[in-house]
């Protein structure tokens, strides 16, 4: 079979692609512009895409296309209805980056609570070398123990974050999404109540019409002025302009964000603030996680080749 990868640069060049190449010939494009997609998938039987959009216009001439493998968990970059109407199956890969994203969440927490960046700058500037004492206490250092962590979205990643937080001795509360029922044993709070009691709020919910702009200025004003907001889910879950306003006016202490509404981002005044940590959507991207992703895509292609695709495809 012919397998086309539309944005191979997002997968890196340090992982083993043989789990996929065993199924056929791979044509890998480093990146693909929207105007190039239709032509590049015209003869493909299987297409692998991380963030390249695939919808009705892109597939109208792709007569051989039978399977679209999303190289991610979220699948907002494909039109499932259009694919289904053309008898094209779509799959994603769940859980491959849960540990990696959770690791970044705690790297953020430890960096802010330990003032690691600030202390590192003191050392590089020569200030420690000139200190009259063996230590420096110029910036606050706090324990995670007994802090309250509010988790919005308790799926694979949120669940992993919860387990690590409890190992640190943190108190964990989770958001109760409207209209859903939860076991009494789970500590679920409405959004505003969760925001009010949490020292750190971390977002792990999918991007849906209900979660777009879930966190705006109204919600940020509810949070403690000492609170930290972490977003490793999807950029549009947080209103970026409102977050800038809240950070600039010190409505909250700090924000750590790995995702933005547009990626790569346009220039924005938030990049000029000191009380924000911004990373370029790397939470999912450890070598181990990317290899698990490739292995998951391979399993999906095998299911298709074996005639078992109905068991795992996104839209049945």
C-alpha atoms as a PDB file:
ATOM      1  CA  UNK A   1       0.000   0.000   0.000  1.00  0.00           C
ATOM      2  CA  UNK A   2       1.069   3.605  -0.505  1.00  0.00           C
ATOM      3  CA  UNK A   3       1.412   5.483   2.767  1.00  0.00           C
ATOM      4  CA  UNK A   4       1.735   9.277   2.775  1.00  0.00           C
ATOM      5  CA  UNK A   5       2.947  11.230   5.801  1.00  0.00           C
ATOM      6  CA  UNK A   6       1.959  14.882   5.427  1.00  0.00           C
ATOM      7  CA  UNK A   7       3.975  16.493   8.232  1.00  0.00           C
ATOM      8  CA  UNK A   8       6.868  14.177   9.015  1.00  0.00           C
ATOM      9  CA  UNK A   9       8.885  16.950  10.682  1.00  0.00           C
ATOM     10  CA  UNK A  10       6.438  16.857  13.593  1.00  0.00           C
ATOM     11  CA  UNK A  11       7.490  13.273  14.299  1.00  0.00           C
ATOM     12  CA  UNK A  12      11.254  13.919  14.368  1.00  0.00           C
ATOM     13  CA  UNK A  13      14.078  11.926  12.797  1.00  0.00           C
ATOM     14  CA  UNK A  14      15.264  10.054  15.879  1.00  0.00           C
ATOM     15  CA  UNK A  15      12.600   7.342  16.033  1.00  0.00           C
ATOM     16  CA  UNK A  16      12.169   3.946  14.391  1.00  0.00           C
ATOM     17  CA  UNK A  17       9.711   4.133  11.491  1.00  0.00           C
ATOM     18  CA  UNK A  18       9.972   0.433  10.591  1.00  0.00           C
ATOM     19  CA  UNK A  19       6.703  -0.441  12.369  1.00  0.00           C
ATOM     20  CA  UNK A  20       4.959   1.612   9.655  1.00  0.00           C
ATOM     21  CA  UNK A  21       7.251   0.970   6.683  1.00  0.00           C
ATOM     22  CA  UNK A  22       6.607  -2.780   6.948  1.00  0.00           C
ATOM     23  CA  UNK A  23       3.165  -2.185   5.461  1.00  0.00           C
ATOM     24  CA  UNK A  24       4.242  -0.519   2.236  1.00  0.00           C
ATOM     25  CA  UNK A  25       5.989   2.377   0.562  1.00  0.00           C
ATOM     26  CA  UNK A  26       6.159   5.582   2.581  1.00  0.00           C
ATOM     27  CA  UNK A  27       6.214   9.005   0.958  1.00  0.00           C
ATOM     28  CA  UNK A  28       7.077  11.470   3.719  1.00  0.00           C
ATOM     29  CA  UNK A  29       6.703  15.227   3.328  1.00  0.00           C
ATOM     30  CA  UNK A  30       8.430  17.373   5.971  1.00  0.00           C
ATOM     31  CA  UNK A  31       5.509  19.832   5.999  1.00  0.00           C
ATOM     32  CA  UNK A  32       2.428  20.286   3.837  1.00  0.00           C
ATOM     33  CA  UNK A  33       0.603  23.516   3.104  1.00  0.00           C
ATOM     34  CA  UNK A  34      -3.190  23.466   2.848  1.00  0.00           C
ATOM     35  CA  UNK A  35      -2.951  24.084  -0.892  1.00  0.00           C
ATOM     36  CA  UNK A  36      -0.732  21.003  -1.332  1.00  0.00           C
ATOM     37  CA  UNK A  37      -2.757  18.434   0.606  1.00  0.00           C
ATOM     38  CA  UNK A  38      -5.191  17.275  -2.095  1.00  0.00           C
ATOM     39  CA  UNK A  39      -2.463  16.584  -4.633  1.00  0.00           C
ATOM     40  CA  UNK A  40      -0.205  14.810  -2.173  1.00  0.00           C
ATOM     41  CA  UNK A  41      -2.866  12.352  -1.009  1.00  0.00           C
ATOM     42  CA  UNK A  42      -4.388  11.772  -4.450  1.00  0.00           C
ATOM     43  CA  UNK A  43      -2.934   8.255  -4.867  1.00  0.00           C
ATOM     44  CA  UNK A  44      -2.526   7.294  -1.209  1.00  0.00           C
ATOM     45  CA  UNK A  45      -4.267   4.365   0.445  1.00  0.00           C
ATOM     46  CA  UNK A  46      -3.205   5.449   3.944  1.00  0.00           C
ATOM     47  CA  UNK A  47      -2.517   9.018   5.056  1.00  0.00           C
ATOM     48  CA  UNK A  48      -0.788   9.971   8.301  1.00  0.00           C
ATOM     49  CA  UNK A  49      -1.314  13.514   9.527  1.00  0.00           C
ATOM     50  CA  UNK A  50      -0.568  15.252  12.778  1.00  0.00           C
ATOM     51  CA  UNK A  51      -1.887  18.768  12.192  1.00  0.00           C
ATOM     52  CA  UNK A  52      -2.575  18.998   8.427  1.00  0.00           C
ATOM     53  CA  UNK A  53      -6.312  19.456   7.910  1.00  0.00           C
ATOM     54  CA  UNK A  54      -8.142  16.791   5.910  1.00  0.00           C
ATOM     55  CA  UNK A  55     -11.729  17.445   4.868  1.00  0.00           C
ATOM     56  CA  UNK A  56     -14.119  17.195   1.947  1.00  0.00           C
ATOM     57  CA  UNK A  57     -12.059  19.321  -0.445  1.00  0.00           C
ATOM     58  CA  UNK A  58      -8.852  17.457   0.309  1.00  0.00           C
ATOM     59  CA  UNK A  59     -10.297  13.974  -0.283  1.00  0.00           C
ATOM     60  CA  UNK A  60     -12.509  14.612  -3.314  1.00  0.00           C
ATOM     61  CA  UNK A  61      -9.922  13.193  -5.750  1.00  0.00           C
ATOM     62  CA  UNK A  62      -8.315  10.689  -3.369  1.00  0.00           C
ATOM     63  CA  UNK A  63     -10.077   7.662  -4.851  1.00  0.00           C
ATOM     64  CA  UNK A  64      -7.710   5.113  -3.282  1.00  0.00           C
ATOM     65  CA  UNK A  65      -7.816   6.553   0.219  1.00  0.00           C
ATOM     66  CA  UNK A  66      -9.111   4.104   2.804  1.00  0.00           C
ATOM     67  CA  UNK A  67      -7.528   5.169   6.092  1.00  0.00           C
ATOM     68  CA  UNK A  68      -6.490   8.452   7.736  1.00  0.00           C
ATOM     69  CA  UNK A  69      -4.250   7.961  10.762  1.00  0.00           C
ATOM     70  CA  UNK A  70      -4.170  10.981  13.047  1.00  0.00           C
ATOM     71  CA  UNK A  71      -0.710  11.153  14.599  1.00  0.00           C
ATOM     72  CA  UNK A  72      -2.173  12.487  17.838  1.00  0.00           C
ATOM     73  CA  UNK A  73      -4.971  11.911  20.314  1.00  0.00           C
ATOM     74  CA  UNK A  74      -7.026  14.971  19.372  1.00  0.00           C
ATOM     75  CA  UNK A  75      -8.668  14.777  15.946  1.00  0.00           C
ATOM     76  CA  UNK A  76     -10.019  18.294  15.434  1.00  0.00           C
ATOM     77  CA  UNK A  77      -7.908  18.576  12.252  1.00  0.00           C
ATOM     78  CA  UNK A  78     -10.017  16.096  10.291  1.00  0.00           C
ATOM     79  CA  UNK A  79     -13.623  16.242   9.109  1.00  0.00           C
ATOM     80  CA  UNK A  80     -14.996  12.957  10.391  1.00  0.00           C
ATOM     81  CA  UNK A  81     -18.343  13.395   8.647  1.00  0.00           C
ATOM     82  CA  UNK A  82     -16.676  13.942   5.263  1.00  0.00           C
ATOM     83  CA  UNK A  83     -14.444  10.906   5.743  1.00  0.00           C
ATOM     84  CA  UNK A  84     -17.349   8.718   6.807  1.00  0.00           C
ATOM     85  CA  UNK A  85     -19.434   9.835   3.833  1.00  0.00           C
ATOM     86  CA  UNK A  86     -16.640   8.628   1.556  1.00  0.00           C
ATOM     87  CA  UNK A  87     -16.099   5.336   3.414  1.00  0.00           C
ATOM     88  CA  UNK A  88     -12.705   6.441   4.687  1.00  0.00           C
ATOM     89  CA  UNK A  89     -11.849   5.252   8.181  1.00  0.00           C
ATOM     90  CA  UNK A  90     -10.005   7.473  10.660  1.00  0.00           C
ATOM     91  CA  UNK A  91      -8.030   6.508  13.754  1.00  0.00           C
ATOM     92  CA  UNK A  92      -6.115   8.272  16.488  1.00  0.00           C
ATOM     93  CA  UNK A  93      -3.697   7.100  19.186  1.00  0.00           C
ATOM     94  CA  UNK A  94      -4.755   7.430  22.805  1.00  0.00           C
ATOM     95  CA  UNK A  95      -2.551   7.533  25.863  1.00  0.00           C
ATOM     96  CA  UNK A  96       0.831   7.613  24.151  1.00  0.00           C
ATOM     97  CA  UNK A  97       1.878  10.919  25.761  1.00  0.00           C
ATOM     98  CA  UNK A  98       0.149  10.763  29.142  1.00  0.00           C
ATOM     99  CA  UNK A  99       3.357  10.346  31.128  1.00  0.00           C
ATOM    100  CA  UNK A 100       5.220  12.914  29.049  1.00  0.00           C
ATOM    101  CA  UNK A 101       2.605  15.648  29.391  1.00  0.00           C
ATOM    102  CA  UNK A 102       2.284  14.961  33.124  1.00  0.00           C
ATOM    103  CA  UNK A 103       6.053  15.273  33.406  1.00  0.00           C
ATOM    104  CA  UNK A 104       5.952  18.727  31.810  1.00  0.00           C
ATOM    105  CA  UNK A 105       3.147  19.810  34.147  1.00  0.00           C
ATOM    106  CA  UNK A 106       5.322  19.050  37.159  1.00  0.00           C
ATOM    107  CA  UNK A 107       8.391  20.556  35.546  1.00  0.00           C
ATOM    108  CA  UNK A 108       6.370  23.777  35.318  1.00  0.00           C
ATOM    109  CA  UNK A 109       5.254  23.542  38.945  1.00  0.00           C
ATOM    110  CA  UNK A 110       8.711  22.820  40.295  1.00  0.00           C
ATOM    111  CA  UNK A 111      10.265  25.552  38.183  1.00  0.00           C
ATOM    112  CA  UNK A 112       7.846  28.203  39.452  1.00  0.00           C
ATOM    113  CA  UNK A 113       7.649  27.031  43.074  1.00  0.00           C
ATOM    114  CA  UNK A 114      11.441  26.694  43.252  1.00  0.00           C
ATOM    115  CA  UNK A 115      12.172  29.936  41.341  1.00  0.00           C
ATOM    116  CA  UNK A 116      14.690  27.864  39.394  1.00  0.00           C
ATOM    117  CA  UNK A 117      14.978  30.252  36.469  1.00  0.00           C
ATOM    118  CA  UNK A 118      15.625  33.222  38.720  1.00  0.00           C
ATOM    119  CA  UNK A 119      18.237  31.401  40.789  1.00  0.00           C
ATOM    120  CA  UNK A 120      19.898  30.112  37.651  1.00  0.00           C
ATOM    121  CA  UNK A 121      20.204  33.681  36.408  1.00  0.00           C
ATOM    122  CA  UNK A 122      21.829  34.724  39.686  1.00  0.00           C
ATOM    123  CA  UNK A 123      24.488  32.062  39.257  1.00  0.00           C
ATOM    124  CA  UNK A 124      25.144  32.883  35.605  1.00  0.00           C
ATOM    125  CA  UNK A 125      25.433  36.575  36.419  1.00  0.00           C
ATOM    126  CA  UNK A 126      28.066  35.930  39.106  1.00  0.00           C
ATOM    127  CA  UNK A 127      25.853  37.022  41.995  1.00  0.00           C
ATOM    128  CA  UNK A 128      26.220  33.756  43.945  1.00  0.00           C
ATOM    129  CA  UNK A 129      29.972  33.903  43.567  1.00  0.00           C
ATOM    130  CA  UNK A 130      29.915  37.275  45.349  1.00  0.00           C
ATOM    131  CA  UNK A 131      27.452  36.234  48.065  1.00  0.00           C
ATOM    132  CA  UNK A 132      28.614  36.671  51.683  1.00  0.00           C
ATOM    133  CA  UNK A 133      26.723  33.468  52.652  1.00  0.00           C
ATOM    134  CA  UNK A 134      26.634  29.943  51.258  1.00  0.00           C
ATOM    135  CA  UNK A 135      23.074  30.365  49.975  1.00  0.00           C
ATOM    136  CA  UNK A 136      20.803  32.980  48.455  1.00  0.00           C
ATOM    137  CA  UNK A 137      17.167  33.548  49.382  1.00  0.00           C
ATOM    138  CA  UNK A 138      16.305  36.292  46.908  1.00  0.00           C
ATOM    139  CA  UNK A 139      13.232  34.556  45.491  1.00  0.00           C
ATOM    140  CA  UNK A 140      10.430  32.511  47.074  1.00  0.00           C
ATOM    141  CA  UNK A 141      10.728  28.729  47.394  1.00  0.00           C
ATOM    142  CA  UNK A 142       7.616  26.726  48.240  1.00  0.00           C
ATOM    143  CA  UNK A 143       6.667  23.087  48.738  1.00  0.00           C
ATOM    144  CA  UNK A 144       4.077  21.377  46.592  1.00  0.00           C
ATOM    145  CA  UNK A 145       2.935  19.386  49.622  1.00  0.00           C
ATOM    146  CA  UNK A 146      -0.463  20.486  50.944  1.00  0.00           C
ATOM    147  CA  UNK A 147      -1.087  22.782  47.975  1.00  0.00           C
ATOM    148  CA  UNK A 148      -4.430  22.324  46.227  1.00  0.00           C
ATOM    149  CA  UNK A 149      -4.265  21.248  42.595  1.00  0.00           C
ATOM    150  CA  UNK A 150      -7.360  21.763  40.479  1.00  0.00           C
ATOM    151  CA  UNK A 151      -7.549  19.435  37.462  1.00  0.00           C
ATOM    152  CA  UNK A 152      -9.870  20.311  34.585  1.00  0.00           C
ATOM    153  CA  UNK A 153     -10.230  17.148  32.500  1.00  0.00           C
ATOM    154  CA  UNK A 154      -9.450  13.855  34.224  1.00  0.00           C
ATOM    155  CA  UNK A 155      -8.838  11.488  31.328  1.00  0.00           C
ATOM    156  CA  UNK A 156      -5.596   9.592  30.769  1.00  0.00           C
ATOM    157  CA  UNK A 157      -3.382  12.637  31.253  1.00  0.00           C
ATOM    158  CA  UNK A 158      -5.410  14.239  34.023  1.00  0.00           C
ATOM    159  CA  UNK A 159      -5.479  10.918  35.849  1.00  0.00           C
ATOM    160  CA  UNK A 160      -1.720  10.607  35.605  1.00  0.00           C
ATOM    161  CA  UNK A 161      -1.278  14.155  36.899  1.00  0.00           C
ATOM    162  CA  UNK A 162      -3.580  13.331  39.809  1.00  0.00           C
ATOM    163  CA  UNK A 163      -1.521  10.295  40.796  1.00  0.00           C
ATOM    164  CA  UNK A 164       1.756  12.231  40.746  1.00  0.00           C
ATOM    165  CA  UNK A 165       0.211  15.119  42.673  1.00  0.00           C
ATOM    166  CA  UNK A 166      -0.953  12.776  45.396  1.00  0.00           C
ATOM    167  CA  UNK A 167       2.561  11.323  45.607  1.00  0.00           C
ATOM    168  CA  UNK A 168       3.804  14.877  46.287  1.00  0.00           C
ATOM    169  CA  UNK A 169       1.239  15.180  49.068  1.00  0.00           C
ATOM    170  CA  UNK A 170      -0.945  17.661  47.228  1.00  0.00           C
ATOM    171  CA  UNK A 171      -4.684  17.997  47.690  1.00  0.00           C
ATOM    172  CA  UNK A 172      -6.481  17.273  44.413  1.00  0.00           C
ATOM    173  CA  UNK A 173      -9.864  18.515  43.254  1.00  0.00           C
ATOM    174  CA  UNK A 174     -11.334  17.879  39.804  1.00  0.00           C
ATOM    175  CA  UNK A 175     -13.862  19.804  37.774  1.00  0.00           C
ATOM    176  CA  UNK A 176     -17.423  18.550  37.507  1.00  0.00           C
ATOM    177  CA  UNK A 177     -18.481  19.256  33.941  1.00  0.00           C
ATOM    178  CA  UNK A 178     -22.127  20.346  33.700  1.00  0.00           C
ATOM    179  CA  UNK A 179     -24.576  17.580  32.852  1.00  0.00           C
ATOM    180  CA  UNK A 180     -22.260  14.706  33.787  1.00  0.00           C
ATOM    181  CA  UNK A 181     -22.577  12.338  36.732  1.00  0.00           C
ATOM    182  CA  UNK A 182     -19.561  11.247  38.771  1.00  0.00           C
ATOM    183  CA  UNK A 183     -18.932   8.699  41.533  1.00  0.00           C
ATOM    184  CA  UNK A 184     -19.392  10.157  45.002  1.00  0.00           C
ATOM    185  CA  UNK A 185     -15.826   9.116  45.829  1.00  0.00           C
ATOM    186  CA  UNK A 186     -14.398  11.604  43.318  1.00  0.00           C
ATOM    187  CA  UNK A 187     -13.702  15.084  44.622  1.00  0.00           C
ATOM    188  CA  UNK A 188     -15.538  17.023  41.905  1.00  0.00           C
ATOM    189  CA  UNK A 189     -16.285  20.733  42.062  1.00  0.00           C
ATOM    190  CA  UNK A 190     -18.022  23.168  39.704  1.00  0.00           C
ATOM    191  CA  UNK A 191     -15.562  25.253  37.708  1.00  0.00           C
ATOM    192  CA  UNK A 192     -15.833  28.472  39.695  1.00  0.00           C
ATOM    193  CA  UNK A 193     -15.485  26.682  43.026  1.00  0.00           C
ATOM    194  CA  UNK A 194     -12.466  24.762  41.766  1.00  0.00           C
ATOM    195  CA  UNK A 195     -10.834  27.980  40.596  1.00  0.00           C
ATOM    196  CA  UNK A 196     -11.492  29.635  43.945  1.00  0.00           C
ATOM    197  CA  UNK A 197      -9.826  26.966  46.110  1.00  0.00           C
ATOM    198  CA  UNK A 198      -6.909  25.885  43.887  1.00  0.00           C
ATOM    199  CA  UNK A 199      -3.310  27.008  44.260  1.00  0.00           C
ATOM    200  CA  UNK A 200      -2.537  25.535  40.846  1.00  0.00           C
ATOM    201  CA  UNK A 201      -5.027  24.886  38.037  1.00  0.00           C
ATOM    202  CA  UNK A 202      -4.036  22.539  35.206  1.00  0.00           C
ATOM    203  CA  UNK A 203      -6.041  22.014  32.020  1.00  0.00           C
ATOM    204  CA  UNK A 204      -6.341  18.576  30.365  1.00  0.00           C
ATOM    205  CA  UNK A 205      -9.688  18.784  28.583  1.00  0.00           C
ATOM    206  CA  UNK A 206     -10.266  18.384  24.840  1.00  0.00           C
ATOM    207  CA  UNK A 207     -11.154  21.374  22.682  1.00  0.00           C
ATOM    208  CA  UNK A 208     -14.910  21.366  22.089  1.00  0.00           C
ATOM    209  CA  UNK A 209     -17.524  24.113  21.691  1.00  0.00           C
ATOM    210  CA  UNK A 210     -18.121  23.789  25.455  1.00  0.00           C
ATOM    211  CA  UNK A 211     -14.447  24.207  26.391  1.00  0.00           C
ATOM    212  CA  UNK A 212     -13.430  26.938  23.936  1.00  0.00           C
ATOM    213  CA  UNK A 213     -12.612  30.040  26.002  1.00  0.00           C
ATOM    214  CA  UNK A 214     -13.432  28.050  29.139  1.00  0.00           C
ATOM    215  CA  UNK A 215     -10.924  30.229  30.995  1.00  0.00           C
ATOM    216  CA  UNK A 216     -11.372  33.957  30.408  1.00  0.00           C
ATOM    217  CA  UNK A 217     -11.027  37.094  32.466  1.00  0.00           C
ATOM    218  CA  UNK A 218     -14.109  36.304  34.546  1.00  0.00           C
ATOM    219  CA  UNK A 219     -12.648  32.952  35.585  1.00  0.00           C
ATOM    220  CA  UNK A 220      -9.134  34.308  36.101  1.00  0.00           C
ATOM    221  CA  UNK A 221     -10.451  36.925  38.510  1.00  0.00           C
ATOM    222  CA  UNK A 222     -11.919  34.151  40.648  1.00  0.00           C
ATOM    223  CA  UNK A 223      -8.523  32.524  41.132  1.00  0.00           C
ATOM    224  CA  UNK A 224      -6.156  33.313  43.986  1.00  0.00           C
ATOM    225  CA  UNK A 225      -3.665  36.085  43.211  1.00  0.00           C
ATOM    226  CA  UNK A 226      -0.977  33.550  44.211  1.00  0.00           C
ATOM    227  CA  UNK A 227      -2.307  30.910  41.799  1.00  0.00           C
ATOM    228  CA  UNK A 228      -0.614  29.324  38.788  1.00  0.00           C
ATOM    229  CA  UNK A 229      -2.493  28.366  35.610  1.00  0.00           C
ATOM    230  CA  UNK A 230      -1.103  25.552  33.452  1.00  0.00           C
ATOM    231  CA  UNK A 231      -2.410  24.760  29.967  1.00  0.00           C
ATOM    232  CA  UNK A 232      -1.084  21.730  28.116  1.00  0.00           C
ATOM    233  CA  UNK A 233      -4.416  20.863  26.457  1.00  0.00           C
ATOM    234  CA  UNK A 234      -5.373  23.129  23.534  1.00  0.00           C
ATOM    235  CA  UNK A 235      -4.694  26.829  23.104  1.00  0.00           C
ATOM    236  CA  UNK A 236      -8.276  28.053  22.557  1.00  0.00           C
ATOM    237  CA  UNK A 237      -9.387  26.614  25.915  1.00  0.00           C
ATOM    238  CA  UNK A 238      -7.850  29.780  27.419  1.00  0.00           C
ATOM    239  CA  UNK A 239      -8.584  33.247  26.054  1.00  0.00           C
ATOM    240  CA  UNK A 240      -5.072  34.509  25.383  1.00  0.00           C
ATOM    241  CA  UNK A 241      -5.939  38.211  25.499  1.00  0.00           C
ATOM    242  CA  UNK A 242      -7.694  37.770  28.829  1.00  0.00           C
ATOM    243  CA  UNK A 243      -4.767  35.766  30.191  1.00  0.00           C
ATOM    244  CA  UNK A 244      -2.409  38.572  29.204  1.00  0.00           C
ATOM    245  CA  UNK A 245      -4.604  41.096  31.015  1.00  0.00           C
ATOM    246  CA  UNK A 246      -4.743  38.951  34.158  1.00  0.00           C
ATOM    247  CA  UNK A 247      -0.990  38.347  34.215  1.00  0.00           C
ATOM    248  CA  UNK A 248      -0.079  41.963  33.533  1.00  0.00           C
ATOM    249  CA  UNK A 249      -2.357  43.190  36.315  1.00  0.00           C
ATOM    250  CA  UNK A 250      -1.159  40.337  38.589  1.00  0.00           C
ATOM    251  CA  UNK A 251      -4.632  38.858  39.010  1.00  0.00           C
ATOM    252  CA  UNK A 252      -2.770  35.533  39.115  1.00  0.00           C
ATOM    253  CA  UNK A 253       0.874  34.844  39.903  1.00  0.00           C
ATOM    254  CA  UNK A 254       2.058  32.924  36.860  1.00  0.00           C
ATOM    255  CA  UNK A 255       0.922  30.975  33.807  1.00  0.00           C
ATOM    256  CA  UNK A 256       2.675  28.071  32.116  1.00  0.00           C
ATOM    257  CA  UNK A 257       1.406  27.355  28.604  1.00  0.00           C
ATOM    258  CA  UNK A 258       2.535  24.815  26.034  1.00  0.00           C
ATOM    259  CA  UNK A 259      -0.269  25.491  23.565  1.00  0.00           C
ATOM    260  CA  UNK A 260      -1.569  28.619  21.875  1.00  0.00           C
ATOM    261  CA  UNK A 261      -4.639  29.393  19.731  1.00  0.00           C
ATOM    262  CA  UNK A 262      -2.418  29.644  16.660  1.00  0.00           C
ATOM    263  CA  UNK A 263       0.702  27.511  16.196  1.00  0.00           C
ATOM    264  CA  UNK A 264       3.275  28.668  15.277  1.00  0.00           C
ATOM    265  CA  UNK A 265       2.039  31.785  17.087  1.00  0.00           C
ATOM    266  CA  UNK A 266       1.733  35.309  15.871  1.00  0.00           C
ATOM    267  CA  UNK A 267       3.404  38.035  17.880  1.00  0.00           C
ATOM    268  CA  UNK A 268       1.492  38.816  21.057  1.00  0.00           C
ATOM    269  CA  UNK A 269       2.227  41.076  24.044  1.00  0.00           C
ATOM    270  CA  UNK A 270       2.092  38.077  26.374  1.00  0.00           C
ATOM    271  CA  UNK A 271       5.566  37.119  25.151  1.00  0.00           C
ATOM    272  CA  UNK A 272       6.921  40.235  26.847  1.00  0.00           C
ATOM    273  CA  UNK A 273       5.730  39.313  30.343  1.00  0.00           C
ATOM    274  CA  UNK A 274       8.021  37.842  32.975  1.00  0.00           C
ATOM    275  CA  UNK A 275       5.322  35.938  34.844  1.00  0.00           C
ATOM    276  CA  UNK A 276       4.559  33.517  32.040  1.00  0.00           C
ATOM    277  CA  UNK A 277       6.415  30.413  30.864  1.00  0.00           C
ATOM    278  CA  UNK A 278       5.733  29.527  27.227  1.00  0.00           C
ATOM    279  CA  UNK A 279       7.044  26.389  25.547  1.00  0.00           C
ATOM    280  CA  UNK A 280       6.531  25.473  21.854  1.00  0.00           C
ATOM    281  CA  UNK A 281       4.005  22.617  22.165  1.00  0.00           C
ATOM    282  CA  UNK A 282       6.547  20.078  23.429  1.00  0.00           C
ATOM    283  CA  UNK A 283       4.581  18.372  26.186  1.00  0.00           C
ATOM    284  CA  UNK A 284       3.800  15.331  24.031  1.00  0.00           C
ATOM    285  CA  UNK A 285       7.171  15.083  22.342  1.00  0.00           C
ATOM    286  CA  UNK A 286       9.607  12.963  24.317  1.00  0.00           C
ATOM    287  CA  UNK A 287      11.407  10.388  22.203  1.00  0.00           C
ATOM    288  CA  UNK A 288       9.652   7.616  24.090  1.00  0.00           C
ATOM    289  CA  UNK A 289       6.227   9.145  23.519  1.00  0.00           C
ATOM    290  CA  UNK A 290       6.843   9.693  19.825  1.00  0.00           C
ATOM    291  CA  UNK A 291       7.908   6.063  19.464  1.00  0.00           C
ATOM    292  CA  UNK A 292       4.752   4.958  21.253  1.00  0.00           C
ATOM    293  CA  UNK A 293       2.832   7.127  18.792  1.00  0.00           C
ATOM    294  CA  UNK A 294       4.470   5.425  15.797  1.00  0.00           C
ATOM    295  CA  UNK A 295       3.778   2.019  17.321  1.00  0.00           C
ATOM    296  CA  UNK A 296       0.146   3.016  17.857  1.00  0.00           C
ATOM    297  CA  UNK A 297      -0.214   4.171  14.246  1.00  0.00           C
ATOM    298  CA  UNK A 298       1.319   0.872  13.141  1.00  0.00           C
ATOM    299  CA  UNK A 299      -1.251  -1.041  15.184  1.00  0.00           C
ATOM    300  CA  UNK A 300      -4.032   0.946  13.535  1.00  0.00           C
ATOM    301  CA  UNK A 301      -2.695   0.231  10.041  1.00  0.00           C
ATOM    302  CA  UNK A 302      -2.420  -3.455  10.924  1.00  0.00           C
ATOM    303  CA  UNK A 303      -6.024  -3.460  12.097  1.00  0.00           C
ATOM    304  CA  UNK A 304      -7.013  -1.994   8.731  1.00  0.00           C
ATOM    305  CA  UNK A 305      -4.873  -4.522   6.810  1.00  0.00           C
ATOM    306  CA  UNK A 306      -6.393  -7.383   8.827  1.00  0.00           C
ATOM    307  CA  UNK A 307      -9.953  -6.186   8.225  1.00  0.00           C
ATOM    308  CA  UNK A 308     -10.480  -5.192  11.863  1.00  0.00           C
ATOM    309  CA  UNK A 309     -10.701  -1.431  11.340  1.00  0.00           C
ATOM    310  CA  UNK A 310     -14.322  -1.243  12.520  1.00  0.00           C
ATOM    311  CA  UNK A 311     -13.102  -2.148  16.005  1.00  0.00           C
ATOM    312  CA  UNK A 312     -10.980   0.983  16.423  1.00  0.00           C
ATOM    313  CA  UNK A 313     -12.020   3.655  13.933  1.00  0.00           C
ATOM    314  CA  UNK A 314     -13.201   6.985  15.318  1.00  0.00           C
ATOM    315  CA  UNK A 315     -16.617   7.091  13.650  1.00  0.00           C
ATOM    316  CA  UNK A 316     -18.554   3.863  13.324  1.00  0.00           C
END
